[in-house]
Amino acid sequence: MRTTDEPDRPTTWSTVPTVFVVRPACPFCGCERYVAVRSMATESDGSKTLRCVCRRCSGRFLVVTEPGEREEFSDDVPENGKTSTSTS
């Protein structure tokens, strides 16, 4: 249910805001090209840890991803502005 305090939300994909996510870079040389050699088990808080090796300098580092709800992709923006996920 929409309240009067909420701003109007876009109803088509051509008018939705764009969000850019920066890809992790090697902490040693700054290169964004790396290989995830192993994905560690999900932690109790829902985060995941990737063991990575840089393709340029062979530096080893960890990438931790924060937990989040995985969204299903659709061509239409629902009226309430949210997408639903399948639970099958």
Protein backbone atom coordinates (compact mmCIF):
# COMPACT_ATOMS: atom_id res chain seq x y z
CA MET A 1 0.00 0.00 0.00
CA ARG A 2 1.38 3.39 -0.98
CA THR A 3 1.29 6.26 1.49
CA THR A 4 1.26 9.95 0.61
CA ASP A 5 4.81 10.32 2.03
CA GLU A 6 6.32 8.03 -0.59
CA PRO A 7 7.70 9.57 -3.80
CA ASP A 8 6.35 8.41 -7.17
CA ARG A 9 8.29 5.44 -8.48
CA PRO A 10 9.20 4.85 -12.13
CA THR A 11 6.91 2.46 -13.98
CA THR A 12 9.09 1.60 -16.99
CA TRP A 13 12.68 0.41 -17.28
CA SER A 14 13.62 3.47 -19.33
CA THR A 15 12.93 5.74 -16.32
CA VAL A 16 14.36 3.73 -13.40
CA PRO A 17 17.54 4.91 -11.62
CA THR A 18 20.85 3.30 -12.56
CA VAL A 19 23.05 1.81 -9.81
CA PHE A 20 26.70 1.05 -10.54
CA VAL A 21 28.59 -1.52 -8.48
CA VAL A 22 32.37 -1.35 -8.54
CA ARG A 23 34.08 -4.65 -9.21
CA PRO A 24 36.68 -5.52 -6.57
CA ALA A 25 40.29 -4.86 -7.55
CA CYS A 26 43.56 -6.43 -6.48
CA PRO A 27 44.79 -4.64 -3.33
CA PHE A 28 48.41 -4.98 -4.53
CA CYS A 29 48.31 -3.67 -8.12
CA GLY A 30 44.74 -2.40 -8.64
CA CYS A 31 43.96 -4.78 -11.50
CA GLU A 32 40.31 -5.80 -11.82
CA ARG A 33 41.14 -9.07 -13.58
CA TYR A 34 41.30 -11.92 -11.10
CA VAL A 35 40.32 -15.55 -10.79
CA ALA A 36 38.12 -16.75 -7.95
CA VAL A 37 39.86 -20.02 -7.17
CA ARG A 38 37.51 -21.08 -4.39
CA SER A 39 34.21 -20.02 -2.91
CA MET A 40 34.12 -20.51 0.84
CA ALA A 41 31.03 -21.64 2.70
CA THR A 42 28.37 -19.09 3.54
CA GLU A 43 28.94 -17.55 6.95
CA SER A 44 26.26 -17.38 9.65
CA ASP A 45 25.46 -13.77 8.66
CA GLY A 46 24.84 -14.82 5.02
CA SER A 47 28.10 -13.41 3.62
CA LYS A 48 30.30 -15.43 1.24
CA THR A 49 34.08 -15.37 0.93
CA LEU A 50 35.95 -15.87 -2.36
CA ARG A 51 39.65 -16.72 -2.49
CA CYS A 52 41.05 -14.80 -5.46
CA VAL A 53 44.32 -14.61 -7.41
CA CYS A 54 45.20 -11.54 -9.49
CA ARG A 55 45.93 -12.29 -13.16
CA ARG A 56 48.52 -9.48 -13.39
CA CYS A 57 50.66 -9.79 -10.23
CA SER A 58 49.50 -13.18 -8.84
CA GLY A 59 48.61 -11.50 -5.54
CA ARG A 60 46.24 -13.46 -3.33
CA PHE A 61 43.29 -11.80 -1.60
CA LEU A 62 39.81 -12.45 -0.23
CA VAL A 63 36.57 -10.92 -1.51
CA VAL A 64 33.66 -10.96 0.95
CA THR A 65 30.17 -10.49 -0.45
CA GLU A 66 27.46 -9.18 1.83
CA PRO A 67 24.20 -11.06 2.13
CA GLY A 68 21.30 -9.89 0.02
CA GLU A 69 18.11 -11.07 -1.51
CA ARG A 70 18.58 -12.40 -5.02
CA GLU A 71 16.06 -10.82 -7.35
CA GLU A 72 14.35 -12.48 -10.28
CA PHE A 73 14.62 -10.41 -13.46
CA SER A 74 11.57 -9.29 -15.39
CA ASP A 75 10.87 -6.93 -18.30
CA ASP A 76 8.20 -5.03 -16.36
CA VAL A 77 8.37 -2.93 -13.22
CA PRO A 78 5.54 -3.94 -10.87
CA GLU A 79 3.12 -1.25 -9.73
CA ASN A 80 4.57 -1.27 -6.19
CA GLY A 81 8.14 -0.93 -7.52
CA LYS A 82 9.30 -4.24 -6.06
CA THR A 83 9.99 -7.56 -7.73
CA SER A 84 8.94 -10.85 -6.23
CA THR A 85 11.11 -13.94 -6.01
CA SER A 86 10.07 -17.46 -6.79
CA THR A 87 9.99 -19.90 -3.87
CA SER A 88 9.66 -23.10 -5.88
